[in-house]
Amino acid sequence: MIGEFDTILTIDCGVNGAVVIQFPDKSIIIEKLAVSFEDLSKQFESYSGIAFVEHQHLRKTDCISGRWHNIHKLCMHYQRIKDSLECNGLRVVEVTPQEWQIQFFLQSKNYLDRKKELKLKATKEFPDKKVTAWNQDALLMNKYINDKYLRNGKSRR
């Protein structure tokens, strides 16, 4: 599936999110994710390939807990990201947080503890990168995509 693409982008959609850009030689760069549609379009215009985007949606518990406004802003940003990718000709594949996080066998149920666990795992997987709260999810999504679709540089279906 991804073997035919030049560049693989993995995107954590948070407003303070990150994009990991992986080139054919497996080298990666990490960028902070732009916010506006225009800036996102500029950020993605020089890439051709496939983008794996962390899926976002509003849940019933978000409405009950009063977090609706923040989740609504996140979902709007998520849609801007997808639109700008598609406008730049990149293929978009949505990945749920549960889908990519399951491979890391997280023990914590608490959100903050889970984030700490993810940071430790990302630091272990990417010792040459400066892992921070803003890029850890995108880095681990990149590992998940590589483990799921690529082995020995060949596409797995």
Protein backbone atom coordinates (compact mmCIF):
# COMPACT_ATOMS: atom_id res chain seq x y z
CA MET A 1 0.00 0.00 0.00
CA ILE A 2 2.63 2.59 0.94
CA GLY A 3 5.56 1.23 -1.03
CA GLU A 4 4.47 3.13 -4.13
CA PHE A 5 4.57 6.55 -2.41
CA ASP A 6 7.61 8.83 -2.23
CA THR A 7 6.83 10.38 1.12
CA ILE A 8 4.90 9.17 4.16
CA LEU A 9 3.43 11.76 6.51
CA THR A 10 2.05 10.86 9.93
CA ILE A 11 0.03 13.59 11.56
CA ASP A 12 -1.13 14.17 15.12
CA CYS A 13 -4.00 16.62 14.61
CA GLY A 14 -3.86 18.55 17.83
CA VAL A 15 -3.53 22.31 17.50
CA ASN A 16 -0.12 21.76 19.12
CA GLY A 17 0.38 18.64 17.02
CA ALA A 18 3.17 17.48 14.76
CA VAL A 19 3.80 15.99 11.37
CA VAL A 20 6.52 13.39 10.82
CA ILE A 21 7.73 13.34 7.24
CA GLN A 22 9.43 10.12 6.18
CA PHE A 23 11.40 10.03 2.96
CA PRO A 24 12.15 6.98 0.77
CA ASP A 25 15.55 6.51 2.47
CA LYS A 26 13.64 6.18 5.82
CA SER A 27 15.04 9.46 7.13
CA ILE A 28 12.50 11.57 8.97
CA ILE A 29 11.97 15.18 9.90
CA ILE A 30 9.52 16.47 12.47
CA GLU A 31 7.63 19.73 12.07
CA LYS A 32 5.10 21.54 14.21
CA LEU A 33 1.73 21.41 12.53
CA ALA A 34 0.47 24.68 11.08
CA VAL A 35 -2.96 25.92 12.16
CA SER A 36 -4.63 27.90 9.36
CA PHE A 37 -5.73 26.32 6.09
CA GLU A 38 -3.35 28.57 4.14
CA ASP A 39 -0.37 27.68 6.33
CA LEU A 40 -1.23 23.98 6.26
CA SER A 41 -1.43 24.10 2.46
CA LYS A 42 2.00 25.75 2.31
CA GLN A 43 3.38 23.18 4.74
CA PHE A 44 2.24 20.27 2.57
CA GLU A 45 2.71 21.72 -0.93
CA SER A 46 6.21 20.33 -1.51
CA TYR A 47 5.30 16.72 -0.67
CA SER A 48 3.75 13.98 -2.74
CA GLY A 49 2.72 10.74 -1.18
CA ILE A 50 0.42 9.47 1.51
CA ALA A 51 -0.63 11.00 4.82
CA PHE A 52 -1.80 9.01 7.82
CA VAL A 53 -3.91 11.32 9.97
CA GLU A 54 -5.06 10.59 13.50
CA HIS A 55 -8.87 10.45 13.33
CA GLN A 56 -10.80 12.86 15.56
CA HIS A 57 -14.47 12.94 16.45
CA LEU A 58 -16.86 14.25 19.05
CA ARG A 59 -17.99 11.64 21.58
CA LYS A 60 -21.10 11.70 23.73
CA THR A 61 -18.95 11.90 26.87
CA ASP A 62 -17.35 15.10 25.52
CA CYS A 63 -20.78 16.75 25.41
CA ILE A 64 -21.68 15.58 28.89
CA SER A 65 -18.37 16.63 30.44
CA GLY A 66 -18.56 20.15 28.99
CA ARG A 67 -15.52 19.68 26.75
CA TRP A 68 -17.62 20.19 23.63
CA HIS A 69 -16.09 23.53 22.67
CA ASN A 70 -12.47 22.28 22.75
CA ILE A 71 -13.28 19.06 20.90
CA HIS A 72 -15.25 21.04 18.32
CA LYS A 73 -12.16 23.22 17.67
CA LEU A 74 -10.03 20.07 17.37
CA CYS A 75 -12.47 18.53 14.87
CA MET A 76 -12.48 21.73 12.79
CA HIS A 77 -8.67 21.68 12.73
CA TYR A 78 -8.75 17.99 11.76
CA GLN A 79 -10.98 18.82 8.79
CA ARG A 80 -8.68 21.70 7.72
CA ILE A 81 -5.73 19.29 7.78
CA LYS A 82 -7.53 16.70 5.64
CA ASP A 83 -8.74 19.36 3.19
CA SER A 84 -5.28 20.89 2.79
CA LEU A 85 -3.70 17.47 2.24
CA GLU A 86 -6.26 16.56 -0.42
CA CYS A 87 -5.89 19.97 -2.11
CA ASN A 88 -2.16 19.25 -2.39
CA GLY A 89 -2.79 15.85 -3.96
CA LEU A 90 -1.76 13.69 -1.00
CA ARG A 91 -3.71 10.53 -0.31
CA VAL A 92 -5.28 10.63 3.16
CA VAL A 93 -5.69 7.57 5.38
CA GLU A 94 -7.34 7.97 8.77
CA VAL A 95 -5.94 6.08 11.76
CA THR A 96 -7.78 5.96 15.08
CA PRO A 97 -5.82 6.58 18.28
CA GLN A 98 -6.84 3.13 19.52
CA GLU A 99 -5.50 1.53 16.33
CA TRP A 100 -1.97 2.87 16.64
CA GLN A 101 -1.74 2.93 20.45
CA ILE A 102 -2.67 -0.73 20.95
CA GLN A 103 0.73 -1.92 19.73
CA PHE A 104 2.45 -0.12 22.62
CA PHE A 105 0.62 -2.06 25.37
CA LEU A 106 -0.16 0.98 27.50
CA GLN A 107 -0.86 0.20 31.15
CA SER A 108 -2.25 3.56 32.29
CA LYS A 109 -5.92 4.45 32.19
CA ASN A 110 -5.32 8.05 33.26
CA TYR A 111 -4.72 10.45 30.33
CA LEU A 112 -1.64 12.17 31.80
CA ASP A 113 -0.03 8.87 32.84
CA ARG A 114 -0.72 7.44 29.38
CA LYS A 115 0.99 10.49 27.80
CA LYS A 116 4.04 9.93 30.04
CA GLU A 117 4.12 6.28 28.97
CA LEU A 118 3.92 7.27 25.31
CA LYS A 119 6.78 9.73 25.74
CA LEU A 120 8.99 7.03 27.28
CA LYS A 121 8.18 4.63 24.44
CA ALA A 122 8.85 7.29 21.79
CA THR A 123 12.18 8.18 23.42
CA LYS A 124 13.17 4.51 23.32
CA GLU A 125 12.08 4.08 19.67
CA PHE A 126 13.64 7.34 18.45
CA PRO A 127 16.80 7.88 20.54
CA ASP A 128 18.26 10.29 17.96
CA LYS A 129 15.22 12.62 18.08
CA LYS A 130 14.22 15.14 20.72
CA VAL A 131 10.91 13.66 21.88
CA THR A 132 8.49 16.14 23.40
CA ALA A 133 4.79 16.26 24.26
CA TRP A 134 4.02 17.91 20.89
CA ASN A 135 5.72 15.27 18.71
CA GLN A 136 5.53 11.96 20.60
CA ASP A 137 2.20 10.82 19.14
CA ALA A 138 3.22 11.55 15.54
CA LEU A 139 6.51 9.69 16.04
CA LEU A 140 4.79 6.61 17.47
CA MET A 141 2.16 6.72 14.71
CA ASN A 142 5.07 6.67 12.25
CA LYS A 143 6.47 3.55 13.94
CA TYR A 144 3.04 1.91 13.83
CA ILE A 145 2.65 2.67 10.10
CA ASN A 146 6.09 1.28 9.34
CA ASP A 147 5.47 -1.85 11.42
CA LYS A 148 2.06 -2.42 9.86
CA TYR A 149 2.83 -1.68 6.21
CA LEU A 150 6.57 -1.92 5.68
CA ARG A 151 8.99 -4.73 6.36
CA ASN A 152 12.50 -4.69 4.89
CA GLY A 153 11.56 -1.69 2.78
CA LYS A 154 8.77 -3.57 0.99
CA SER A 155 5.10 -2.81 1.08
CA ARG A 156 2.96 -5.25 3.10
CA ARG A 157 -0.71 -5.66 2.25
